[in-house]
């Protein structure tokens, strides 16, 4: 197993890459499926309700933002937790998003406002690229055939903890959720009552 002598101090580099491009696809799907259901043979004006809005967003469970994360995990000696066994550098994809089922709606018919209350953003998945892992050992006894499995788990935990602390990742995931919801809801709402607008809280 190759080792590389990089400084042992723990340095993290976060490189946000892109929000997953699902907005257009989901919006087209809802427009194609939901709109005819509204238009077919219904002459009475429909009212925008919370249940209608919940049915619209149930098309998808999670709105996800994906970022590439480069980090270094420190793995301690199991027998002596104060001693370092090794460091492992890695690259991971971090996914963040919200649970669509936890979204709350409130409709103000007088003010023509649909209030959308979003749940907290969470890190939903960490995908470590095992091929990117590179080690520097302080205890050569740790350089065994089983080291990759333990190191992989350490990298997952490290990426999870570090990403949860990054406000930028959470903010981008929230903004992406707002974009997805707007794409889902606007086409339907415009057909029912174009005067309504969305307000995210």
N, C-alpha and C. Protein backbone atom coordinates (compact mmCIF):
# COMPACT_ATOMS: atom_id res chain seq x y z
N UNK A 1 0.85 -1.20 0.00
CA UNK A 1 0.00 0.00 0.00
C UNK A 1 0.88 1.24 0.00
N UNK A 2 0.66 2.18 -0.89
CA UNK A 2 1.51 3.35 -1.03
C UNK A 2 1.24 4.33 0.09
N UNK A 3 2.28 5.01 0.51
CA UNK A 3 2.14 6.07 1.50
C UNK A 3 2.74 7.33 0.93
N UNK A 4 2.24 8.44 1.46
CA UNK A 4 2.76 9.71 0.98
C UNK A 4 3.01 10.60 2.16
N UNK A 5 4.13 11.26 2.22
CA UNK A 5 4.48 12.11 3.35
C UNK A 5 3.92 13.51 3.17
N UNK A 6 2.68 13.69 3.61
CA UNK A 6 2.13 15.03 3.63
C UNK A 6 2.07 15.48 5.08
N UNK A 7 1.96 16.78 5.35
CA UNK A 7 1.98 17.27 6.74
C UNK A 7 0.89 16.59 7.54
N UNK A 8 1.18 16.15 8.75
CA UNK A 8 0.21 15.42 9.55
C UNK A 8 -0.89 16.30 10.11
N UNK A 9 -0.68 17.65 10.10
CA UNK A 9 -1.77 18.48 10.61
C UNK A 9 -2.99 18.34 9.71
N UNK A 10 -4.14 18.37 10.33
CA UNK A 10 -5.39 18.02 9.63
C UNK A 10 -5.89 19.22 8.86
N UNK A 11 -5.88 19.16 7.57
CA UNK A 11 -6.35 20.25 6.74
C UNK A 11 -7.48 19.76 5.86
N UNK A 12 -8.52 20.57 5.73
CA UNK A 12 -9.70 20.19 4.95
C UNK A 12 -9.89 21.17 3.82
N UNK A 13 -10.26 20.68 2.71
CA UNK A 13 -10.60 21.53 1.57
C UNK A 13 -11.97 21.14 1.09
N UNK A 14 -12.89 22.10 1.12
CA UNK A 14 -14.24 21.80 0.67
C UNK A 14 -14.46 22.46 -0.69
N UNK A 15 -14.90 21.70 -1.65
CA UNK A 15 -15.10 22.21 -3.00
C UNK A 15 -16.53 21.93 -3.43
N UNK A 16 -17.45 22.86 -3.18
CA UNK A 16 -18.80 22.62 -3.67
C UNK A 16 -18.82 22.59 -5.18
N UNK A 17 -19.56 21.64 -5.76
CA UNK A 17 -19.51 21.46 -7.20
C UNK A 17 -20.79 21.89 -7.88
N UNK A 18 -21.91 21.19 -7.65
CA UNK A 18 -23.13 21.54 -8.36
C UNK A 18 -24.34 21.00 -7.64
N UNK A 19 -25.44 21.66 -7.82
CA UNK A 19 -26.70 21.10 -7.33
C UNK A 19 -27.19 20.11 -8.36
N UNK A 20 -27.74 19.01 -7.89
CA UNK A 20 -28.22 17.97 -8.80
C UNK A 20 -29.32 18.54 -9.69
N UNK A 21 -29.20 18.29 -10.99
CA UNK A 21 -30.12 18.91 -11.95
C UNK A 21 -31.38 18.09 -12.09
N UNK A 22 -32.27 18.26 -11.11
CA UNK A 22 -33.53 17.54 -11.18
C UNK A 22 -34.72 18.47 -11.35
N UNK A 23 -34.49 19.77 -11.23
CA UNK A 23 -35.59 20.72 -11.23
C UNK A 23 -36.39 20.65 -12.52
N UNK A 24 -35.71 20.74 -13.66
CA UNK A 24 -36.43 20.78 -14.93
C UNK A 24 -37.17 19.49 -15.20
N UNK A 25 -36.53 18.37 -14.90
CA UNK A 25 -37.16 17.07 -15.17
C UNK A 25 -38.41 16.89 -14.34
N UNK A 26 -38.32 17.20 -13.05
CA UNK A 26 -39.46 17.03 -12.16
C UNK A 26 -40.57 18.00 -12.53
N UNK A 27 -40.19 19.24 -12.88
CA UNK A 27 -41.20 20.22 -13.24
C UNK A 27 -41.97 19.79 -14.50
N UNK A 28 -41.25 19.28 -15.48
CA UNK A 28 -41.90 18.82 -16.70
C UNK A 28 -42.82 17.65 -16.41
N UNK A 29 -42.37 16.75 -15.54
CA UNK A 29 -43.18 15.59 -15.19
C UNK A 29 -44.49 16.01 -14.53
N UNK A 30 -44.39 16.93 -13.58
CA UNK A 30 -45.60 17.38 -12.89
C UNK A 30 -46.50 18.14 -13.84
N UNK A 31 -45.91 18.95 -14.69
CA UNK A 31 -46.71 19.74 -15.63
C UNK A 31 -47.46 18.82 -16.59
N UNK A 32 -46.78 17.77 -17.04
CA UNK A 32 -47.38 16.87 -18.02
C UNK A 32 -48.45 15.98 -17.39
N UNK A 33 -48.22 15.59 -16.12
CA UNK A 33 -49.15 14.66 -15.48
C UNK A 33 -50.25 15.39 -14.73
N UNK A 34 -49.85 16.45 -14.01
CA UNK A 34 -50.82 17.12 -13.14
C UNK A 34 -51.75 18.08 -13.85
N UNK A 35 -51.24 18.78 -14.84
CA UNK A 35 -52.03 19.80 -15.51
C UNK A 35 -53.25 19.24 -16.22
N UNK A 36 -53.16 18.16 -17.02
CA UNK A 36 -54.35 17.62 -17.65
C UNK A 36 -55.41 17.21 -16.65
N UNK A 37 -54.96 16.71 -15.48
CA UNK A 37 -55.93 16.30 -14.47
C UNK A 37 -56.73 17.48 -13.97
N UNK A 38 -56.11 18.66 -13.96
CA UNK A 38 -56.81 19.85 -13.52
C UNK A 38 -57.77 20.35 -14.59
N UNK A 39 -57.36 20.23 -15.85
CA UNK A 39 -58.12 20.83 -16.94
C UNK A 39 -59.27 19.96 -17.43
N UNK A 40 -59.12 18.62 -17.34
CA UNK A 40 -60.10 17.73 -17.96
C UNK A 40 -61.46 17.82 -17.29
N UNK A 41 -62.42 18.32 -18.01
CA UNK A 41 -63.82 18.27 -17.62
C UNK A 41 -64.15 18.91 -16.30
N UNK A 42 -63.41 19.90 -15.87
CA UNK A 42 -63.70 20.55 -14.60
C UNK A 42 -64.02 22.01 -14.87
N UNK A 43 -65.29 22.35 -14.81
CA UNK A 43 -65.72 23.71 -15.13
C UNK A 43 -65.77 24.59 -13.88
N UNK A 44 -65.81 23.98 -12.69
CA UNK A 44 -65.86 24.76 -11.46
C UNK A 44 -64.46 25.23 -11.09
N UNK A 45 -64.33 26.48 -10.59
CA UNK A 45 -63.02 26.97 -10.17
C UNK A 45 -62.49 26.15 -9.00
N UNK A 46 -61.21 25.76 -9.07
CA UNK A 46 -60.62 24.99 -8.00
C UNK A 46 -59.96 25.92 -6.98
N UNK A 47 -59.95 25.48 -5.74
CA UNK A 47 -59.38 26.27 -4.67
C UNK A 47 -58.03 25.67 -4.28
N UNK A 48 -57.04 26.54 -4.06
CA UNK A 48 -55.73 26.08 -3.64
C UNK A 48 -55.80 25.71 -2.18
N UNK A 49 -55.53 24.45 -1.87
CA UNK A 49 -55.59 23.96 -0.50
C UNK A 49 -54.25 23.32 -0.11
N UNK A 50 -54.09 23.12 1.20
CA UNK A 50 -52.88 22.48 1.71
C UNK A 50 -52.76 21.06 1.16
N UNK A 51 -53.88 20.34 1.10
CA UNK A 51 -53.84 18.96 0.60
C UNK A 51 -53.42 18.91 -0.87
N UNK A 52 -53.88 19.88 -1.66
CA UNK A 52 -53.46 19.95 -3.07
C UNK A 52 -51.95 20.16 -3.18
N UNK A 53 -51.42 21.05 -2.36
CA UNK A 53 -49.99 21.33 -2.38
C UNK A 53 -49.18 20.12 -1.93
N UNK A 54 -49.66 19.42 -0.93
CA UNK A 54 -48.96 18.22 -0.46
C UNK A 54 -48.92 17.13 -1.51
N UNK A 55 -50.01 17.00 -2.27
CA UNK A 55 -50.03 16.01 -3.35
C UNK A 55 -49.00 16.35 -4.42
N UNK A 56 -48.81 17.63 -4.68
CA UNK A 56 -47.84 18.06 -5.70
C UNK A 56 -46.42 17.68 -5.28
N UNK A 57 -46.05 18.01 -4.05
CA UNK A 57 -44.65 17.78 -3.63
C UNK A 57 -44.37 16.34 -3.27
N UNK A 58 -45.39 15.50 -3.17
CA UNK A 58 -45.16 14.09 -2.89
C UNK A 58 -44.53 13.35 -4.07
N UNK A 59 -44.34 14.05 -5.19
CA UNK A 59 -43.66 13.45 -6.35
C UNK A 59 -42.24 13.04 -5.98
N UNK A 60 -41.63 13.77 -5.08
CA UNK A 60 -40.23 13.50 -4.73
C UNK A 60 -40.05 13.53 -3.23
N UNK A 61 -39.11 12.74 -2.72
CA UNK A 61 -38.86 12.67 -1.29
C UNK A 61 -37.77 13.64 -0.84
N UNK A 62 -36.74 13.78 -1.64
CA UNK A 62 -35.61 14.58 -1.20
C UNK A 62 -35.14 15.53 -2.29
N UNK A 63 -34.80 16.73 -1.88
CA UNK A 63 -34.11 17.65 -2.77
C UNK A 63 -32.65 17.62 -2.37
N UNK A 64 -31.75 17.31 -3.31
CA UNK A 64 -30.37 17.03 -2.92
C UNK A 64 -29.40 18.00 -3.56
N UNK A 65 -28.45 18.45 -2.75
CA UNK A 65 -27.29 19.19 -3.25
C UNK A 65 -26.07 18.28 -3.08
N UNK A 66 -25.23 18.24 -4.08
CA UNK A 66 -24.05 17.37 -4.05
C UNK A 66 -22.78 18.22 -4.08
N UNK A 67 -21.85 17.92 -3.19
CA UNK A 67 -20.57 18.62 -3.16
C UNK A 67 -19.44 17.60 -3.09
N UNK A 68 -18.32 17.94 -3.69
CA UNK A 68 -17.12 17.11 -3.58
C UNK A 68 -16.32 17.61 -2.38
N UNK A 69 -15.90 16.68 -1.54
CA UNK A 69 -15.20 17.04 -0.30
C UNK A 69 -13.87 16.30 -0.24
N UNK A 70 -12.79 17.04 -0.04
CA UNK A 70 -11.46 16.45 0.14
C UNK A 70 -11.05 16.64 1.60
N UNK A 71 -10.71 15.55 2.26
CA UNK A 71 -10.37 15.67 3.67
C UNK A 71 -9.29 14.71 4.09
N UNK A 72 -8.90 14.84 5.36
CA UNK A 72 -7.92 13.94 5.97
C UNK A 72 -8.50 13.48 7.30
N UNK A 73 -8.67 12.17 7.46
CA UNK A 73 -9.19 11.61 8.70
C UNK A 73 -8.04 11.12 9.56
N UNK A 74 -8.17 11.37 10.85
CA UNK A 74 -7.17 10.91 11.81
C UNK A 74 -7.73 9.68 12.52
N UNK A 75 -6.98 8.60 12.51
CA UNK A 75 -7.43 7.35 13.14
C UNK A 75 -6.54 7.07 14.35
N UNK A 76 -7.19 6.94 15.50
CA UNK A 76 -6.45 6.77 16.75
C UNK A 76 -6.22 5.28 17.06
N UNK A 77 -5.25 5.04 17.91
CA UNK A 77 -4.94 3.69 18.37
C UNK A 77 -6.06 3.22 19.30
N UNK A 78 -6.65 2.06 19.01
CA UNK A 78 -7.74 1.55 19.82
C UNK A 78 -7.30 1.28 21.26
N UNK A 79 -6.08 0.80 21.43
CA UNK A 79 -5.60 0.47 22.77
C UNK A 79 -5.16 1.72 23.54
N UNK A 80 -4.70 2.73 22.81
CA UNK A 80 -4.28 3.98 23.44
C UNK A 80 -4.87 5.14 22.64
N UNK A 81 -6.07 5.58 23.00
CA UNK A 81 -6.80 6.59 22.22
C UNK A 81 -6.09 7.93 22.08
N UNK A 82 -5.03 8.14 22.85
CA UNK A 82 -4.29 9.40 22.74
C UNK A 82 -3.22 9.34 21.65
N UNK A 83 -2.95 8.16 21.16
CA UNK A 83 -1.92 7.99 20.11
C UNK A 83 -2.59 7.82 18.74
N UNK A 84 -1.94 8.40 17.73
CA UNK A 84 -2.44 8.30 16.36
C UNK A 84 -1.87 7.08 15.68
N UNK A 85 -2.74 6.26 15.08
CA UNK A 85 -2.29 5.11 14.30
C UNK A 85 -1.85 5.57 12.91
N UNK A 86 -2.73 6.35 12.27
CA UNK A 86 -2.42 6.82 10.91
C UNK A 86 -3.39 7.92 10.50
N UNK A 87 -3.01 8.61 9.46
CA UNK A 87 -3.88 9.58 8.78
C UNK A 87 -4.24 9.00 7.42
N UNK A 88 -5.43 9.32 6.95
CA UNK A 88 -5.83 8.87 5.63
C UNK A 88 -6.52 10.03 4.90
N UNK A 89 -5.98 10.39 3.75
CA UNK A 89 -6.62 11.41 2.93
C UNK A 89 -7.63 10.72 2.01
N UNK A 90 -8.65 11.46 1.62
CA UNK A 90 -9.71 10.84 0.83
C UNK A 90 -10.50 11.90 0.07
N UNK A 91 -11.29 11.44 -0.88
CA UNK A 91 -12.25 12.29 -1.59
C UNK A 91 -13.63 11.66 -1.44
N UNK A 92 -14.62 12.49 -1.22
CA UNK A 92 -15.97 11.97 -1.01
C UNK A 92 -16.99 12.90 -1.66
N UNK A 93 -18.12 12.33 -2.03
CA UNK A 93 -19.27 13.11 -2.43
C UNK A 93 -20.24 13.19 -1.25
N UNK A 94 -20.66 14.40 -0.96
CA UNK A 94 -21.55 14.63 0.17
C UNK A 94 -22.89 15.10 -0.37
N UNK A 95 -23.97 14.45 0.06
CA UNK A 95 -25.32 14.78 -0.39
C UNK A 95 -26.09 15.41 0.76
N UNK A 96 -26.73 16.54 0.49
CA UNK A 96 -27.52 17.22 1.50
C UNK A 96 -28.89 17.53 0.94
N UNK A 97 -29.89 17.53 1.80
CA UNK A 97 -31.23 17.84 1.31
C UNK A 97 -32.25 17.91 2.42
N UNK A 98 -33.51 17.96 2.03
CA UNK A 98 -34.60 18.02 3.01
C UNK A 98 -35.58 16.88 2.74
N UNK A 99 -36.34 16.56 3.76
CA UNK A 99 -37.38 15.55 3.64
C UNK A 99 -38.66 16.24 3.17
N UNK A 100 -39.10 15.94 1.94
CA UNK A 100 -40.28 16.59 1.40
C UNK A 100 -41.54 16.28 2.21
N UNK A 101 -41.57 15.12 2.86
CA UNK A 101 -42.76 14.75 3.63
C UNK A 101 -42.92 15.63 4.87
N UNK A 102 -41.85 16.31 5.28
CA UNK A 102 -41.91 17.15 6.47
C UNK A 102 -42.21 18.61 6.15
N UNK A 103 -42.42 18.93 4.88
CA UNK A 103 -42.75 20.30 4.49
C UNK A 103 -44.15 20.66 4.99
N UNK A 104 -44.28 21.86 5.55
CA UNK A 104 -45.58 22.36 6.03
C UNK A 104 -46.04 23.53 5.15
N UNK A 105 -47.33 23.51 4.80
CA UNK A 105 -47.91 24.59 3.99
C UNK A 105 -48.96 25.35 4.79
N UNK A 106 -49.09 26.64 4.47
CA UNK A 106 -50.18 27.45 4.98
C UNK A 106 -50.63 28.38 3.87
N UNK A 107 -51.92 28.38 3.58
CA UNK A 107 -52.47 29.17 2.48
C UNK A 107 -53.24 30.36 3.05
N UNK A 108 -52.80 31.56 2.67
CA UNK A 108 -53.51 32.79 3.04
C UNK A 108 -54.27 33.26 1.81
N UNK A 109 -55.56 32.90 1.73
CA UNK A 109 -56.35 33.20 0.55
C UNK A 109 -56.59 34.69 0.38
N UNK A 110 -56.64 35.44 1.48
CA UNK A 110 -56.88 36.89 1.39
C UNK A 110 -55.66 37.61 0.84
N UNK A 111 -54.48 37.24 1.36
CA UNK A 111 -53.25 37.90 0.90
C UNK A 111 -52.67 37.26 -0.35
N UNK A 112 -53.25 36.12 -0.78
CA UNK A 112 -52.78 35.39 -1.96
C UNK A 112 -51.33 34.94 -1.81
N UNK A 113 -51.05 34.37 -0.63
CA UNK A 113 -49.69 33.90 -0.35
C UNK A 113 -49.75 32.45 0.10
N UNK A 114 -48.85 31.63 -0.44
CA UNK A 114 -48.67 30.26 0.01
C UNK A 114 -47.37 30.22 0.81
N UNK A 115 -47.49 30.01 2.11
CA UNK A 115 -46.31 29.93 2.96
C UNK A 115 -45.80 28.49 2.98
N UNK A 116 -44.50 28.33 2.72
CA UNK A 116 -43.88 27.01 2.67
C UNK A 116 -42.81 26.95 3.76
N UNK A 117 -43.05 26.12 4.77
CA UNK A 117 -42.10 25.97 5.87
C UNK A 117 -41.25 24.72 5.63
N UNK A 118 -39.96 24.94 5.45
CA UNK A 118 -39.05 23.84 5.15
C UNK A 118 -38.45 23.25 6.42
N UNK A 119 -38.27 21.93 6.45
CA UNK A 119 -37.56 21.30 7.57
C UNK A 119 -36.07 21.62 7.47
N UNK A 120 -35.34 21.28 8.51
CA UNK A 120 -33.90 21.52 8.51
C UNK A 120 -33.20 20.66 7.46
N UNK A 121 -32.17 21.24 6.87
CA UNK A 121 -31.34 20.49 5.91
C UNK A 121 -30.51 19.46 6.66
N UNK A 122 -30.35 18.30 6.07
CA UNK A 122 -29.55 17.24 6.69
C UNK A 122 -28.59 16.66 5.65
N UNK A 123 -27.46 16.15 6.13
CA UNK A 123 -26.56 15.39 5.27
C UNK A 123 -27.18 14.02 5.10
N UNK A 124 -27.62 13.70 3.90
CA UNK A 124 -28.38 12.47 3.67
C UNK A 124 -27.51 11.28 3.28
N UNK A 125 -26.31 11.55 2.75
CA UNK A 125 -25.47 10.45 2.32
C UNK A 125 -24.03 10.94 2.14
N UNK A 126 -23.08 10.07 2.48
CA UNK A 126 -21.66 10.34 2.24
C UNK A 126 -21.11 9.17 1.45
N UNK A 127 -20.53 9.47 0.30
CA UNK A 127 -20.00 8.42 -0.58
C UNK A 127 -18.49 8.62 -0.74
N UNK A 128 -17.71 7.85 0.02
CA UNK A 128 -16.25 7.97 -0.02
C UNK A 128 -15.71 7.18 -1.20
N UNK A 129 -14.82 7.79 -1.97
CA UNK A 129 -14.15 7.10 -3.07
C UNK A 129 -12.98 6.31 -2.49
N UNK A 130 -13.17 5.01 -2.36
CA UNK A 130 -12.14 4.19 -1.72
C UNK A 130 -10.82 4.20 -2.49
N UNK A 131 -10.91 4.40 -3.81
CA UNK A 131 -9.69 4.43 -4.62
C UNK A 131 -8.86 5.68 -4.35
N UNK A 132 -9.47 6.71 -3.77
CA UNK A 132 -8.76 7.96 -3.51
C UNK A 132 -8.02 7.95 -2.17
N UNK A 133 -8.25 6.93 -1.35
CA UNK A 133 -7.67 6.90 -0.01
C UNK A 133 -6.15 6.69 -0.06
N UNK A 134 -5.45 7.52 0.70
CA UNK A 134 -3.98 7.44 0.75
C UNK A 134 -3.55 7.58 2.21
N UNK A 135 -2.57 6.79 2.64
CA UNK A 135 -2.25 6.66 4.06
C UNK A 135 -0.87 7.20 4.41
N UNK A 136 -0.75 7.66 5.65
CA UNK A 136 0.55 7.88 6.26
C UNK A 136 0.48 7.26 7.65
N UNK A 137 1.32 6.24 7.89
CA UNK A 137 1.23 5.45 9.10
C UNK A 137 2.21 5.94 10.16
N UNK A 138 1.73 6.02 11.40
CA UNK A 138 2.59 6.32 12.54
C UNK A 138 2.99 5.03 13.24
N UNK A 139 2.13 4.01 13.10
CA UNK A 139 2.41 2.69 13.66
C UNK A 139 2.31 1.68 12.51
N UNK A 140 3.45 1.13 12.11
CA UNK A 140 3.47 0.22 10.96
C UNK A 140 2.64 -1.04 11.17
N UNK A 141 2.35 -1.36 12.42
CA UNK A 141 1.50 -2.51 12.68
C UNK A 141 0.09 -2.30 12.15
N UNK A 142 -0.29 -1.06 11.96
CA UNK A 142 -1.63 -0.75 11.45
C UNK A 142 -1.74 -1.00 9.96
N UNK A 143 -0.60 -1.09 9.29
CA UNK A 143 -0.60 -1.29 7.84
C UNK A 143 -0.86 -2.77 7.52
N UNK A 144 -2.10 -3.18 7.76
CA UNK A 144 -2.50 -4.57 7.55
C UNK A 144 -3.60 -4.64 6.51
N UNK A 145 -3.97 -5.85 6.17
CA UNK A 145 -4.97 -6.04 5.10
C UNK A 145 -6.34 -5.50 5.48
N UNK A 146 -6.61 -5.38 6.77
CA UNK A 146 -7.93 -4.92 7.21
C UNK A 146 -8.01 -3.41 7.38
N UNK A 147 -6.94 -2.71 7.09
CA UNK A 147 -6.91 -1.28 7.37
C UNK A 147 -7.91 -0.51 6.51
N UNK A 148 -8.14 -0.93 5.28
CA UNK A 148 -9.02 -0.19 4.38
C UNK A 148 -10.45 -0.09 4.92
N UNK A 149 -10.95 -1.16 5.50
CA UNK A 149 -12.31 -1.16 6.02
C UNK A 149 -12.46 -0.17 7.17
N UNK A 150 -11.52 -0.20 8.11
CA UNK A 150 -11.57 0.72 9.24
C UNK A 150 -11.37 2.16 8.77
N UNK A 151 -10.45 2.35 7.82
CA UNK A 151 -10.18 3.70 7.32
C UNK A 151 -11.39 4.26 6.57
N UNK A 152 -12.09 3.40 5.83
CA UNK A 152 -13.27 3.84 5.08
C UNK A 152 -14.32 4.39 6.04
N UNK A 153 -14.56 3.67 7.12
CA UNK A 153 -15.55 4.13 8.10
C UNK A 153 -15.12 5.44 8.74
N UNK A 154 -13.82 5.57 9.00
CA UNK A 154 -13.29 6.80 9.59
C UNK A 154 -13.48 7.98 8.64
N UNK A 155 -13.28 7.73 7.35
CA UNK A 155 -13.47 8.79 6.34
C UNK A 155 -14.94 9.19 6.25
N UNK A 156 -15.83 8.21 6.29
CA UNK A 156 -17.27 8.51 6.26
C UNK A 156 -17.67 9.39 7.44
N UNK A 157 -17.22 9.01 8.62
CA UNK A 157 -17.55 9.77 9.82
C UNK A 157 -16.97 11.17 9.76
N UNK A 158 -15.74 11.26 9.30
CA UNK A 158 -15.07 12.56 9.20
C UNK A 158 -15.80 13.48 8.22
N UNK A 159 -16.15 12.96 7.05
CA UNK A 159 -16.84 13.77 6.05
C UNK A 159 -18.22 14.19 6.53
N UNK A 160 -18.92 13.29 7.21
CA UNK A 160 -20.25 13.60 7.76
C UNK A 160 -20.15 14.75 8.76
N UNK A 161 -19.24 14.63 9.72
CA UNK A 161 -19.11 15.65 10.76
C UNK A 161 -18.67 16.99 10.20
N UNK A 162 -17.70 16.97 9.32
CA UNK A 162 -17.19 18.22 8.76
C UNK A 162 -18.24 18.89 7.87
N UNK A 163 -18.98 18.11 7.11
CA UNK A 163 -19.99 18.68 6.21
C UNK A 163 -21.16 19.29 6.98
N UNK A 164 -21.55 18.64 8.07
CA UNK A 164 -22.64 19.17 8.89
C UNK A 164 -22.30 20.54 9.46
N UNK A 165 -21.01 20.80 9.62
CA UNK A 165 -20.57 22.08 10.18
C UNK A 165 -20.43 23.17 9.13
N UNK A 166 -20.59 22.82 7.86
CA UNK A 166 -20.40 23.78 6.78
C UNK A 166 -21.74 24.46 6.44
N UNK A 167 -21.88 25.72 6.80
CA UNK A 167 -23.12 26.45 6.55
C UNK A 167 -23.39 26.58 5.05
N UNK A 168 -22.34 26.68 4.25
CA UNK A 168 -22.52 26.87 2.81
C UNK A 168 -23.23 25.68 2.17
N UNK A 169 -22.87 24.46 2.60
CA UNK A 169 -23.51 23.26 2.05
C UNK A 169 -24.99 23.25 2.39
N UNK A 170 -25.32 23.55 3.64
CA UNK A 170 -26.73 23.57 4.07
C UNK A 170 -27.51 24.65 3.34
N UNK A 171 -26.90 25.81 3.17
CA UNK A 171 -27.60 26.91 2.51
C UNK A 171 -27.85 26.60 1.03
N UNK A 172 -26.87 26.00 0.36
CA UNK A 172 -27.05 25.64 -1.04
C UNK A 172 -28.11 24.55 -1.20
N UNK A 173 -28.14 23.60 -0.27
CA UNK A 173 -29.15 22.56 -0.31
C UNK A 173 -30.55 23.15 -0.10
N UNK A 174 -30.65 24.10 0.81
CA UNK A 174 -31.95 24.75 1.06
C UNK A 174 -32.42 25.54 -0.16
N UNK A 175 -31.47 26.27 -0.78
CA UNK A 175 -31.83 27.04 -1.97
C UNK A 175 -32.27 26.13 -3.10
N UNK A 176 -31.60 25.00 -3.23
CA UNK A 176 -31.98 24.05 -4.26
C UNK A 176 -33.38 23.49 -3.99
N UNK A 177 -33.69 23.27 -2.72
CA UNK A 177 -35.03 22.80 -2.36
C UNK A 177 -36.08 23.83 -2.73
N UNK A 178 -35.78 25.09 -2.50
CA UNK A 178 -36.72 26.17 -2.87
C UNK A 178 -36.93 26.19 -4.38
N UNK A 179 -35.86 26.00 -5.14
CA UNK A 179 -35.97 25.99 -6.60
C UNK A 179 -36.83 24.82 -7.09
N UNK A 180 -36.62 23.65 -6.48
CA UNK A 180 -37.40 22.47 -6.86
C UNK A 180 -38.88 22.68 -6.55
N UNK A 181 -39.16 23.18 -5.36
CA UNK A 181 -40.56 23.41 -4.96
C UNK A 181 -41.23 24.44 -5.85
N UNK A 182 -40.51 25.48 -6.20
CA UNK A 182 -41.07 26.49 -7.10
C UNK A 182 -41.40 25.88 -8.45
N UNK A 183 -40.49 25.04 -8.96
CA UNK A 183 -40.73 24.38 -10.26
C UNK A 183 -41.90 23.42 -10.19
N UNK A 184 -42.10 22.79 -9.04
CA UNK A 184 -43.19 21.84 -8.87
C UNK A 184 -44.55 22.55 -8.74
N UNK A 185 -44.57 23.60 -7.94
CA UNK A 185 -45.85 24.21 -7.55
C UNK A 185 -46.34 25.27 -8.53
N UNK A 186 -45.44 26.12 -9.02
CA UNK A 186 -45.85 27.27 -9.84
C UNK A 186 -46.74 26.93 -11.04
N UNK A 187 -46.39 25.91 -11.85
CA UNK A 187 -47.24 25.64 -13.02
C UNK A 187 -48.68 25.29 -12.65
N UNK A 188 -48.86 24.57 -11.55
CA UNK A 188 -50.20 24.19 -11.12
C UNK A 188 -50.94 25.39 -10.54
N UNK A 189 -50.26 26.15 -9.68
CA UNK A 189 -50.89 27.30 -9.03
C UNK A 189 -51.31 28.35 -10.06
N UNK A 190 -50.48 28.55 -11.07
CA UNK A 190 -50.82 29.54 -12.09
C UNK A 190 -52.10 29.18 -12.83
N UNK A 191 -52.37 27.89 -12.97
CA UNK A 191 -53.61 27.47 -13.63
C UNK A 191 -54.83 27.66 -12.73
N UNK A 192 -54.62 27.57 -11.41
CA UNK A 192 -55.73 27.72 -10.48
C UNK A 192 -55.98 29.18 -10.12
N UNK A 193 -54.91 29.88 -9.80
CA UNK A 193 -55.04 31.30 -9.44
C UNK A 193 -53.66 31.94 -9.56
N UNK A 194 -53.44 32.65 -10.65
CA UNK A 194 -52.12 33.21 -10.96
C UNK A 194 -51.71 34.32 -10.00
N UNK A 195 -52.62 34.80 -9.17
CA UNK A 195 -52.29 35.88 -8.25
C UNK A 195 -51.51 35.38 -7.03
N UNK A 196 -51.54 34.09 -6.78
CA UNK A 196 -50.85 33.53 -5.64
C UNK A 196 -49.34 33.57 -5.85
N UNK A 197 -48.60 33.75 -4.76
CA UNK A 197 -47.15 33.68 -4.79
C UNK A 197 -46.64 32.84 -3.63
N UNK A 198 -45.43 32.31 -3.78
CA UNK A 198 -44.83 31.48 -2.75
C UNK A 198 -43.97 32.31 -1.83
N UNK A 199 -43.99 31.93 -0.55
CA UNK A 199 -43.11 32.56 0.44
C UNK A 199 -42.50 31.46 1.29
N UNK A 200 -41.16 31.33 1.25
CA UNK A 200 -40.48 30.27 2.00
C UNK A 200 -40.08 30.79 3.37
N UNK A 201 -40.38 29.99 4.39
CA UNK A 201 -40.06 30.39 5.75
C UNK A 201 -39.29 29.28 6.45
